[in-house]
């Protein structure tokens, strides 16, 4: 693994982000339920959306993640794309304390990569995204509309409280066979 995280700036235009956001806001799914969780401190609104609802609008996003994995991370991923993505909307005072995206339940697979696309249409303050690697690393690049952040799902990360505006992101996970 060459890096703890990797980002791509300005992958999508403002117009493309607006289209992706509109699809996500209008197509909530009941395939998976991610909600406010008092046990882990997450209090942002989450809409789960089936990836098929986006047509080919997320192809660039998914190709970017798989290509970055091949070049930077080298994880063994399944050959299929995520079935769902999460639209995360953080309003003033909302946050998501340090957590990992990997499951604590035994399964036939492990979540290996997390990918986040910034869809925030307006400026916001607070809501800093941090990854913990022995120290807190503020990843400011993900604050740019249309930018993508990719990192191993086992790294602790958080979104600090929003001070003003609204932070909106699309996130998804890429899985592979169990770690060896």
N, C-alpha and C. Protein backbone atom coordinates (compact mmCIF):
# COMPACT_ATOMS: atom_id res chain seq x y z
N UNK A 1 0.85 -1.16 0.00
CA UNK A 1 0.00 0.00 0.00
C UNK A 1 0.90 1.23 0.00
N UNK A 2 0.80 2.04 -1.04
CA UNK A 2 1.67 3.20 -1.19
C UNK A 2 1.24 4.40 -0.34
N UNK A 3 -0.07 4.54 -0.07
CA UNK A 3 -0.59 5.70 0.65
C UNK A 3 -1.67 5.26 1.64
N UNK A 4 -1.89 6.07 2.67
CA UNK A 4 -3.00 5.82 3.59
C UNK A 4 -4.33 6.25 2.99
N UNK A 5 -4.30 7.21 2.10
CA UNK A 5 -5.49 7.66 1.37
C UNK A 5 -5.03 8.28 0.06
N UNK A 6 -5.98 8.45 -0.83
CA UNK A 6 -5.67 9.07 -2.12
C UNK A 6 -6.89 9.87 -2.55
N UNK A 7 -6.67 11.02 -3.15
CA UNK A 7 -7.78 11.84 -3.60
C UNK A 7 -7.57 12.26 -5.05
N UNK A 8 -8.69 12.55 -5.69
CA UNK A 8 -8.71 13.06 -7.06
C UNK A 8 -9.55 14.33 -7.01
N UNK A 9 -8.96 15.44 -7.38
CA UNK A 9 -9.64 16.73 -7.28
C UNK A 9 -10.43 17.03 -8.55
N UNK A 10 -11.61 17.64 -8.37
CA UNK A 10 -12.44 18.11 -9.49
C UNK A 10 -12.73 17.04 -10.53
N UNK A 11 -13.13 15.87 -10.09
CA UNK A 11 -13.44 14.76 -11.00
C UNK A 11 -14.74 15.05 -11.76
N UNK A 12 -15.73 15.58 -11.04
CA UNK A 12 -17.02 15.88 -11.64
C UNK A 12 -17.25 17.39 -11.66
N UNK A 13 -17.93 17.88 -12.69
CA UNK A 13 -18.28 19.30 -12.78
C UNK A 13 -19.43 19.61 -11.82
N UNK A 14 -19.68 20.90 -11.61
CA UNK A 14 -20.79 21.32 -10.76
C UNK A 14 -22.11 20.77 -11.31
N UNK A 15 -22.28 20.81 -12.61
CA UNK A 15 -23.50 20.31 -13.24
C UNK A 15 -23.66 18.79 -13.05
N UNK A 16 -22.58 18.06 -13.23
CA UNK A 16 -22.63 16.61 -13.02
C UNK A 16 -22.95 16.28 -11.56
N UNK A 17 -22.36 17.03 -10.64
CA UNK A 17 -22.64 16.83 -9.22
C UNK A 17 -24.10 17.10 -8.90
N UNK A 18 -24.64 18.14 -9.51
CA UNK A 18 -26.05 18.49 -9.30
C UNK A 18 -26.96 17.37 -9.79
N UNK A 19 -26.64 16.78 -10.95
CA UNK A 19 -27.42 15.65 -11.48
C UNK A 19 -27.34 14.44 -10.57
N UNK A 20 -26.14 14.10 -10.10
CA UNK A 20 -25.95 12.95 -9.21
C UNK A 20 -26.71 13.18 -7.91
N UNK A 21 -26.62 14.39 -7.37
CA UNK A 21 -27.32 14.72 -6.13
C UNK A 21 -28.83 14.59 -6.31
N UNK A 22 -29.36 15.08 -7.40
CA UNK A 22 -30.80 15.01 -7.66
C UNK A 22 -31.27 13.56 -7.72
N UNK A 23 -30.53 12.71 -8.42
CA UNK A 23 -30.88 11.29 -8.50
C UNK A 23 -30.87 10.67 -7.11
N UNK A 24 -29.83 10.95 -6.34
CA UNK A 24 -29.71 10.37 -4.99
C UNK A 24 -30.84 10.84 -4.08
N UNK A 25 -31.20 12.11 -4.15
CA UNK A 25 -32.25 12.65 -3.28
C UNK A 25 -33.63 12.10 -3.62
N UNK A 26 -33.83 11.70 -4.87
CA UNK A 26 -35.15 11.27 -5.32
C UNK A 26 -35.32 9.76 -5.46
N UNK A 27 -34.34 8.99 -4.99
CA UNK A 27 -34.40 7.53 -5.20
C UNK A 27 -33.94 6.73 -3.99
N UNK A 28 -34.44 7.07 -2.80
CA UNK A 28 -34.09 6.29 -1.61
C UNK A 28 -34.54 4.85 -1.77
N UNK A 29 -33.75 3.93 -1.23
CA UNK A 29 -34.02 2.50 -1.32
C UNK A 29 -34.24 1.94 0.07
N UNK A 30 -34.88 0.80 0.14
CA UNK A 30 -35.01 0.10 1.42
C UNK A 30 -34.17 -1.18 1.44
N UNK A 31 -33.23 -1.31 0.48
CA UNK A 31 -32.35 -2.49 0.45
C UNK A 31 -31.47 -2.58 1.69
N UNK A 32 -31.08 -1.45 2.19
CA UNK A 32 -30.18 -1.37 3.34
C UNK A 32 -30.59 -0.17 4.15
N UNK A 33 -30.54 -0.28 5.46
CA UNK A 33 -31.01 0.81 6.30
C UNK A 33 -29.86 1.41 7.09
N UNK A 34 -29.43 2.59 6.72
CA UNK A 34 -28.42 3.32 7.48
C UNK A 34 -29.14 4.55 8.03
N UNK A 35 -29.05 4.75 9.32
CA UNK A 35 -29.85 5.79 9.94
C UNK A 35 -29.09 6.44 11.09
N UNK A 36 -29.74 7.42 11.69
CA UNK A 36 -29.16 8.04 12.87
C UNK A 36 -28.85 6.94 13.87
N UNK A 37 -27.69 6.97 14.47
CA UNK A 37 -27.28 5.90 15.37
C UNK A 37 -26.71 6.51 16.65
N UNK A 38 -27.48 6.47 17.72
CA UNK A 38 -27.03 7.07 18.98
C UNK A 38 -25.84 6.32 19.57
N UNK A 39 -25.64 5.05 19.21
CA UNK A 39 -24.54 4.29 19.80
C UNK A 39 -23.19 4.72 19.24
N UNK A 40 -23.15 5.21 18.01
CA UNK A 40 -21.87 5.63 17.45
C UNK A 40 -21.77 7.14 17.21
N UNK A 41 -22.80 7.87 17.55
CA UNK A 41 -22.77 9.32 17.45
C UNK A 41 -23.09 9.90 16.09
N UNK A 42 -23.37 9.05 15.12
CA UNK A 42 -23.71 9.56 13.79
C UNK A 42 -25.09 10.18 13.83
N UNK A 43 -25.19 11.42 13.39
CA UNK A 43 -26.49 12.07 13.41
C UNK A 43 -26.82 12.78 12.10
N UNK A 44 -26.14 12.42 11.03
CA UNK A 44 -26.44 12.97 9.71
C UNK A 44 -27.58 12.17 9.07
N UNK A 45 -28.25 12.80 8.14
CA UNK A 45 -29.29 12.10 7.38
C UNK A 45 -28.61 11.26 6.30
N UNK A 46 -29.04 10.01 6.15
CA UNK A 46 -28.47 9.11 5.15
C UNK A 46 -29.58 8.55 4.28
N UNK A 47 -29.46 8.76 2.97
CA UNK A 47 -30.34 8.10 1.99
C UNK A 47 -29.53 7.02 1.30
N UNK A 48 -30.02 5.80 1.34
CA UNK A 48 -29.38 4.71 0.63
C UNK A 48 -30.02 4.63 -0.75
N UNK A 49 -29.19 4.56 -1.79
CA UNK A 49 -29.68 4.57 -3.16
C UNK A 49 -29.05 3.42 -3.93
N UNK A 50 -29.87 2.68 -4.66
CA UNK A 50 -29.34 1.61 -5.51
C UNK A 50 -28.53 2.23 -6.64
N UNK A 51 -27.35 1.68 -6.90
CA UNK A 51 -26.48 2.26 -7.92
C UNK A 51 -27.10 2.21 -9.31
N UNK A 52 -27.97 1.26 -9.58
CA UNK A 52 -28.59 1.17 -10.91
C UNK A 52 -29.45 2.40 -11.22
N UNK A 53 -29.89 3.14 -10.21
CA UNK A 53 -30.70 4.34 -10.41
C UNK A 53 -29.92 5.46 -11.09
N UNK A 54 -28.59 5.40 -11.04
CA UNK A 54 -27.75 6.45 -11.61
C UNK A 54 -27.41 6.23 -13.08
N UNK A 55 -27.84 5.08 -13.66
CA UNK A 55 -27.44 4.77 -15.04
C UNK A 55 -25.93 4.72 -15.11
N UNK A 56 -25.34 5.46 -16.05
CA UNK A 56 -23.88 5.45 -16.19
C UNK A 56 -23.22 6.67 -15.52
N UNK A 57 -23.98 7.46 -14.78
CA UNK A 57 -23.44 8.70 -14.20
C UNK A 57 -22.36 8.46 -13.15
N UNK A 58 -22.31 7.26 -12.55
CA UNK A 58 -21.27 6.96 -11.56
C UNK A 58 -20.14 6.10 -12.13
N UNK A 59 -20.18 5.82 -13.43
CA UNK A 59 -19.13 4.98 -14.04
C UNK A 59 -17.73 5.55 -13.79
N UNK A 60 -17.57 6.85 -13.99
CA UNK A 60 -16.27 7.48 -13.78
C UNK A 60 -15.82 7.31 -12.33
N UNK A 61 -16.73 7.51 -11.39
CA UNK A 61 -16.45 7.35 -9.96
C UNK A 61 -15.96 5.92 -9.67
N UNK A 62 -16.73 4.93 -10.12
CA UNK A 62 -16.37 3.54 -9.86
C UNK A 62 -15.06 3.15 -10.54
N UNK A 63 -14.87 3.59 -11.79
CA UNK A 63 -13.62 3.30 -12.51
C UNK A 63 -12.42 3.95 -11.82
N UNK A 64 -12.62 5.15 -11.29
CA UNK A 64 -11.56 5.85 -10.57
C UNK A 64 -11.15 5.06 -9.32
N UNK A 65 -12.14 4.55 -8.60
CA UNK A 65 -11.84 3.78 -7.38
C UNK A 65 -11.10 2.50 -7.73
N UNK A 66 -11.59 1.74 -8.70
CA UNK A 66 -10.93 0.47 -9.03
C UNK A 66 -9.55 0.71 -9.62
N UNK A 67 -9.39 1.75 -10.41
CA UNK A 67 -8.07 2.07 -10.96
C UNK A 67 -7.10 2.51 -9.87
N UNK A 68 -7.58 3.32 -8.94
CA UNK A 68 -6.74 3.77 -7.82
C UNK A 68 -6.35 2.58 -6.97
N UNK A 69 -7.28 1.65 -6.77
CA UNK A 69 -6.93 0.45 -6.01
C UNK A 69 -5.80 -0.31 -6.68
N UNK A 70 -5.91 -0.50 -7.99
CA UNK A 70 -4.87 -1.24 -8.72
C UNK A 70 -3.52 -0.55 -8.62
N UNK A 71 -3.52 0.77 -8.71
CA UNK A 71 -2.27 1.53 -8.74
C UNK A 71 -1.70 1.83 -7.34
N UNK A 72 -2.56 2.09 -6.38
CA UNK A 72 -2.12 2.61 -5.08
C UNK A 72 -2.25 1.59 -3.94
N UNK A 73 -3.41 0.94 -3.81
CA UNK A 73 -3.67 0.10 -2.65
C UNK A 73 -3.38 -1.38 -2.87
N UNK A 74 -3.76 -1.91 -4.02
CA UNK A 74 -3.48 -3.30 -4.34
C UNK A 74 -4.31 -4.32 -3.56
N UNK A 75 -5.51 -3.94 -3.12
CA UNK A 75 -6.37 -4.87 -2.39
C UNK A 75 -7.07 -5.83 -3.36
N UNK A 76 -7.36 -7.02 -2.87
CA UNK A 76 -8.10 -8.01 -3.64
C UNK A 76 -9.59 -7.69 -3.51
N UNK A 77 -10.16 -7.11 -4.57
CA UNK A 77 -11.57 -6.71 -4.56
C UNK A 77 -12.40 -7.65 -5.44
N UNK A 78 -13.68 -7.78 -5.10
CA UNK A 78 -14.58 -8.52 -5.96
C UNK A 78 -14.75 -7.77 -7.28
N UNK A 79 -15.13 -8.49 -8.32
CA UNK A 79 -15.28 -7.89 -9.65
C UNK A 79 -16.61 -7.19 -9.87
N UNK A 80 -17.43 -7.08 -8.83
CA UNK A 80 -18.71 -6.38 -8.99
C UNK A 80 -18.67 -5.07 -8.23
N UNK A 81 -19.49 -4.14 -8.69
CA UNK A 81 -19.56 -2.82 -8.07
C UNK A 81 -20.54 -2.84 -6.90
N UNK A 82 -20.47 -1.85 -6.01
CA UNK A 82 -21.42 -1.78 -4.91
C UNK A 82 -22.86 -1.72 -5.43
N UNK A 83 -23.77 -2.39 -4.72
CA UNK A 83 -25.18 -2.36 -5.09
C UNK A 83 -25.86 -1.06 -4.67
N UNK A 84 -25.30 -0.43 -3.64
CA UNK A 84 -25.88 0.82 -3.13
C UNK A 84 -24.78 1.83 -2.83
N UNK A 85 -25.19 3.08 -2.77
CA UNK A 85 -24.33 4.17 -2.30
C UNK A 85 -25.13 4.91 -1.22
N UNK A 86 -24.44 5.65 -0.38
CA UNK A 86 -25.10 6.44 0.65
C UNK A 86 -24.97 7.92 0.33
N UNK A 87 -26.08 8.63 0.41
CA UNK A 87 -26.07 10.08 0.33
C UNK A 87 -26.11 10.60 1.77
N UNK A 88 -25.02 11.23 2.20
CA UNK A 88 -24.86 11.71 3.58
C UNK A 88 -25.06 13.22 3.61
N UNK A 89 -26.04 13.68 4.37
CA UNK A 89 -26.33 15.11 4.48
C UNK A 89 -26.14 15.55 5.93
N UNK A 90 -25.16 16.43 6.14
CA UNK A 90 -24.84 16.94 7.48
C UNK A 90 -25.29 18.39 7.59
N UNK A 91 -26.17 18.67 8.54
CA UNK A 91 -26.63 20.03 8.82
C UNK A 91 -25.85 20.58 10.01
N UNK A 92 -26.09 21.83 10.35
CA UNK A 92 -25.37 22.48 11.46
C UNK A 92 -25.48 21.62 12.73
N UNK A 93 -24.32 21.37 13.35
CA UNK A 93 -24.24 20.60 14.58
C UNK A 93 -24.12 19.10 14.37
N UNK A 94 -24.34 18.63 13.15
CA UNK A 94 -24.26 17.19 12.92
C UNK A 94 -22.83 16.75 12.65
N UNK A 95 -22.54 15.49 12.97
CA UNK A 95 -21.19 14.96 12.86
C UNK A 95 -21.24 13.43 12.76
N UNK A 96 -20.06 12.84 12.60
CA UNK A 96 -19.91 11.38 12.67
C UNK A 96 -18.56 11.14 13.33
N UNK A 97 -18.54 10.81 14.65
CA UNK A 97 -17.28 10.62 15.37
C UNK A 97 -16.42 9.50 14.74
N UNK A 98 -15.19 9.38 15.23
CA UNK A 98 -14.27 8.36 14.69
C UNK A 98 -14.94 6.99 14.66
N UNK A 99 -14.79 6.31 13.55
CA UNK A 99 -15.35 4.98 13.33
C UNK A 99 -14.59 4.30 12.20
N UNK A 100 -14.86 3.03 12.01
CA UNK A 100 -14.36 2.26 10.86
C UNK A 100 -15.56 1.79 10.07
N UNK A 101 -15.39 1.62 8.77
CA UNK A 101 -16.49 1.13 7.94
C UNK A 101 -16.55 -0.39 7.87
N UNK A 102 -15.52 -1.05 8.31
CA UNK A 102 -15.49 -2.51 8.27
C UNK A 102 -16.45 -3.08 9.31
N UNK A 103 -17.01 -4.24 9.02
CA UNK A 103 -17.97 -4.88 9.91
C UNK A 103 -17.25 -5.66 11.01
N UNK A 104 -17.87 -5.69 12.20
CA UNK A 104 -17.31 -6.50 13.27
C UNK A 104 -17.87 -7.92 13.23
N UNK A 105 -18.87 -8.17 12.40
CA UNK A 105 -19.47 -9.50 12.28
C UNK A 105 -18.68 -10.34 11.29
N UNK A 106 -18.51 -11.61 11.60
CA UNK A 106 -17.82 -12.51 10.69
C UNK A 106 -18.65 -12.66 9.41
N UNK A 107 -17.98 -12.68 8.28
CA UNK A 107 -18.67 -12.82 7.01
C UNK A 107 -17.74 -13.48 6.00
N UNK A 108 -18.25 -13.67 4.81
CA UNK A 108 -17.46 -14.27 3.74
C UNK A 108 -16.61 -13.22 3.02
N UNK A 109 -16.78 -11.95 3.39
CA UNK A 109 -16.07 -10.87 2.71
C UNK A 109 -15.75 -9.77 3.71
N UNK A 110 -14.87 -8.88 3.31
CA UNK A 110 -14.53 -7.71 4.11
C UNK A 110 -14.67 -6.46 3.26
N UNK A 111 -15.15 -5.39 3.90
CA UNK A 111 -15.14 -4.09 3.25
C UNK A 111 -13.69 -3.63 3.24
N UNK A 112 -13.17 -3.29 2.07
CA UNK A 112 -11.75 -2.96 1.96
C UNK A 112 -11.48 -1.49 1.65
N UNK A 113 -12.29 -0.89 0.80
CA UNK A 113 -12.08 0.52 0.45
C UNK A 113 -13.36 1.31 0.65
N UNK A 114 -13.20 2.53 1.12
CA UNK A 114 -14.29 3.50 1.20
C UNK A 114 -13.99 4.59 0.19
N UNK A 115 -15.02 5.02 -0.53
CA UNK A 115 -14.86 6.11 -1.50
C UNK A 115 -15.92 7.16 -1.21
N UNK A 116 -15.51 8.42 -1.24
CA UNK A 116 -16.40 9.54 -0.95
C UNK A 116 -16.31 10.56 -2.08
N UNK A 117 -17.48 11.01 -2.55
CA UNK A 117 -17.58 12.06 -3.56
C UNK A 117 -18.27 13.26 -2.93
N UNK A 118 -17.64 14.43 -2.98
CA UNK A 118 -18.22 15.66 -2.43
C UNK A 118 -19.27 16.19 -3.39
N UNK A 119 -20.51 16.32 -2.89
CA UNK A 119 -21.62 16.86 -3.68
C UNK A 119 -22.15 18.16 -3.10
N UNK A 120 -21.46 18.77 -2.15
CA UNK A 120 -21.92 20.00 -1.50
C UNK A 120 -22.02 21.12 -2.53
N UNK A 121 -23.22 21.64 -2.70
CA UNK A 121 -23.46 22.66 -3.71
C UNK A 121 -23.09 24.06 -3.24
N UNK A 122 -23.02 24.25 -1.91
CA UNK A 122 -22.67 25.55 -1.35
C UNK A 122 -21.57 25.37 -0.31
N UNK A 123 -20.92 26.48 0.02
CA UNK A 123 -19.86 26.47 1.02
C UNK A 123 -20.41 26.04 2.38
N UNK A 124 -19.58 25.36 3.15
CA UNK A 124 -19.91 25.03 4.53
C UNK A 124 -18.65 25.23 5.36
N UNK A 125 -18.84 25.42 6.66
CA UNK A 125 -17.70 25.49 7.57
C UNK A 125 -17.85 24.38 8.60
N UNK A 126 -16.72 24.01 9.19
CA UNK A 126 -16.71 22.83 10.03
C UNK A 126 -16.80 21.62 9.13
N UNK A 127 -17.23 20.50 9.66
CA UNK A 127 -17.40 19.30 8.85
C UNK A 127 -16.10 18.77 8.29
N UNK A 128 -14.98 19.07 8.96
CA UNK A 128 -13.69 18.59 8.48
C UNK A 128 -13.67 17.07 8.48
N UNK A 129 -13.11 16.50 7.44
CA UNK A 129 -12.96 15.05 7.35
C UNK A 129 -11.55 14.71 7.82
N UNK A 130 -11.46 13.78 8.77
CA UNK A 130 -10.16 13.40 9.30
C UNK A 130 -10.00 11.88 9.28
N UNK A 131 -8.78 11.46 8.99
CA UNK A 131 -8.40 10.04 9.07
C UNK A 131 -7.33 9.94 10.14
N UNK A 132 -7.45 8.93 11.00
CA UNK A 132 -6.49 8.74 12.07
C UNK A 132 -5.49 7.65 11.69
N UNK A 133 -4.22 8.01 11.65
CA UNK A 133 -3.14 7.07 11.35
C UNK A 133 -2.03 7.22 12.38
N UNK A 134 -2.41 7.26 13.67
CA UNK A 134 -1.45 7.56 14.72
C UNK A 134 -1.48 9.04 15.05
N UNK A 135 -2.03 9.83 14.16
CA UNK A 135 -2.31 11.25 14.37
C UNK A 135 -3.53 11.58 13.50
N UNK A 136 -4.19 12.68 13.83
CA UNK A 136 -5.37 13.10 13.08
C UNK A 136 -4.93 13.85 11.83
N UNK A 137 -5.33 13.35 10.67
CA UNK A 137 -4.98 13.95 9.38
C UNK A 137 -6.23 14.59 8.79
N UNK A 138 -6.23 15.91 8.70
CA UNK A 138 -7.35 16.62 8.09
C UNK A 138 -7.20 16.54 6.58
N UNK A 139 -8.21 16.01 5.90
CA UNK A 139 -8.17 15.83 4.44
C UNK A 139 -9.00 16.95 3.81
N UNK A 140 -8.37 18.10 3.60
CA UNK A 140 -9.08 19.27 3.10
C UNK A 140 -9.49 19.14 1.64
N UNK A 141 -8.80 18.32 0.88
CA UNK A 141 -9.08 18.19 -0.56
C UNK A 141 -10.50 17.70 -0.82
N UNK A 142 -11.09 16.94 0.12
CA UNK A 142 -12.45 16.43 -0.10
C UNK A 142 -13.49 17.54 0.06
N UNK A 143 -13.08 18.73 0.50
CA UNK A 143 -14.02 19.84 0.62
C UNK A 143 -14.34 20.50 -0.72
N UNK A 144 -13.66 20.12 -1.78
CA UNK A 144 -13.89 20.69 -3.10
C UNK A 144 -14.97 19.90 -3.83
N UNK A 145 -16.00 20.60 -4.31
CA UNK A 145 -17.09 19.97 -5.04
C UNK A 145 -16.55 19.12 -6.18
N UNK A 146 -17.05 17.89 -6.31
CA UNK A 146 -16.67 17.01 -7.40
C UNK A 146 -15.41 16.21 -7.15
N UNK A 147 -14.80 16.37 -5.97
CA UNK A 147 -13.57 15.64 -5.66
C UNK A 147 -13.89 14.30 -5.00
N UNK A 148 -12.96 13.36 -5.13
CA UNK A 148 -13.14 11.99 -4.64
C UNK A 148 -12.00 11.64 -3.70
N UNK A 149 -12.35 11.04 -2.57
CA UNK A 149 -11.38 10.54 -1.60
C UNK A 149 -11.55 9.03 -1.49
N UNK A 150 -10.42 8.31 -1.51
CA UNK A 150 -10.44 6.85 -1.42
C UNK A 150 -9.47 6.45 -0.32
N UNK A 151 -9.90 5.55 0.56
CA UNK A 151 -9.02 5.11 1.65
C UNK A 151 -9.44 3.73 2.14
N UNK A 152 -8.51 3.01 2.78
CA UNK A 152 -8.84 1.71 3.35
C UNK A 152 -9.91 1.84 4.43
N UNK A 153 -10.92 1.02 4.36
CA UNK A 153 -12.08 1.11 5.26
C UNK A 153 -11.74 0.80 6.70
N UNK A 154 -10.60 0.16 6.94
CA UNK A 154 -10.23 -0.17 8.32
C UNK A 154 -9.60 1.00 9.06
N UNK A 155 -9.31 2.10 8.36
CA UNK A 155 -8.75 3.27 9.04
C UNK A 155 -9.87 4.04 9.75
N UNK A 156 -9.61 4.46 10.98
CA UNK A 156 -10.58 5.28 11.71
C UNK A 156 -10.68 6.64 11.03
N UNK A 157 -11.89 7.13 10.89
CA UNK A 157 -12.12 8.42 10.25
C UNK A 157 -13.38 9.05 10.84
N UNK A 158 -13.49 10.37 10.63
CA UNK A 158 -14.65 11.08 11.18
C UNK A 158 -14.97 12.31 10.35
N UNK A 159 -16.19 12.83 10.59
CA UNK A 159 -16.62 14.13 10.10
C UNK A 159 -16.91 14.96 11.34
N UNK A 160 -16.18 16.06 11.49
CA UNK A 160 -16.37 16.94 12.65
C UNK A 160 -17.68 17.72 12.50
N UNK A 161 -18.20 18.28 13.59
CA UNK A 161 -19.49 18.98 13.53
C UNK A 161 -19.51 20.12 12.51
N UNK A 162 -20.65 20.25 11.84
CA UNK A 162 -20.87 21.33 10.88
C UNK A 162 -21.15 22.62 11.66
N UNK A 163 -20.49 23.69 11.27
CA UNK A 163 -20.67 24.98 11.94
C UNK A 163 -21.63 25.88 11.17
N UNK A 164 -21.59 25.81 9.83
CA UNK A 164 -22.53 26.57 9.00
C UNK A 164 -22.65 25.87 7.65
N UNK A 165 -23.80 26.04 7.02
CA UNK A 165 -24.03 25.43 5.72
C UNK A 165 -24.41 23.97 5.84
N UNK A 166 -24.30 23.27 4.72
CA UNK A 166 -24.65 21.85 4.64
C UNK A 166 -23.55 21.10 3.90
N UNK A 167 -23.08 20.01 4.49
CA UNK A 167 -22.07 19.15 3.87
C UNK A 167 -22.80 17.94 3.29
N UNK A 168 -22.61 17.69 1.98
CA UNK A 168 -23.29 16.59 1.31
C UNK A 168 -22.24 15.75 0.59
N UNK A 169 -22.29 14.44 0.82
CA UNK A 169 -21.35 13.55 0.15
C UNK A 169 -22.03 12.24 -0.21
N UNK A 170 -21.47 11.61 -1.23
CA UNK A 170 -21.90 10.28 -1.64
C UNK A 170 -20.79 9.34 -1.21
N UNK A 171 -21.12 8.25 -0.52
CA UNK A 171 -20.09 7.31 -0.11
C UNK A 171 -20.50 5.89 -0.48
N UNK A 172 -19.49 5.05 -0.66
CA UNK A 172 -19.76 3.63 -0.90
C UNK A 172 -18.54 2.82 -0.51
N UNK A 173 -18.76 1.52 -0.44
CA UNK A 173 -17.71 0.60 -0.01
C UNK A 173 -17.47 -0.46 -1.07
N UNK A 174 -16.20 -0.82 -1.18
CA UNK A 174 -15.78 -1.87 -2.10
C UNK A 174 -15.27 -3.04 -1.27
N UNK A 175 -15.81 -4.21 -1.54
CA UNK A 175 -15.49 -5.40 -0.75
C UNK A 175 -14.63 -6.37 -1.52
N UNK A 176 -14.05 -7.29 -0.78
CA UNK A 176 -13.26 -8.36 -1.36
C UNK A 176 -13.25 -9.54 -0.41
N UNK A 177 -12.56 -10.61 -0.80
CA UNK A 177 -12.46 -11.79 0.07
C UNK A 177 -11.85 -11.41 1.42
N UNK A 178 -12.14 -12.21 2.45
CA UNK A 178 -11.61 -11.95 3.78
C UNK A 178 -10.11 -11.71 3.74
N UNK A 179 -9.63 -10.83 4.64
CA UNK A 179 -8.20 -10.60 4.78
C UNK A 179 -7.51 -11.88 5.21
N UNK A 180 -6.29 -12.05 4.78
CA UNK A 180 -5.52 -13.24 5.19
C UNK A 180 -4.36 -12.82 6.01
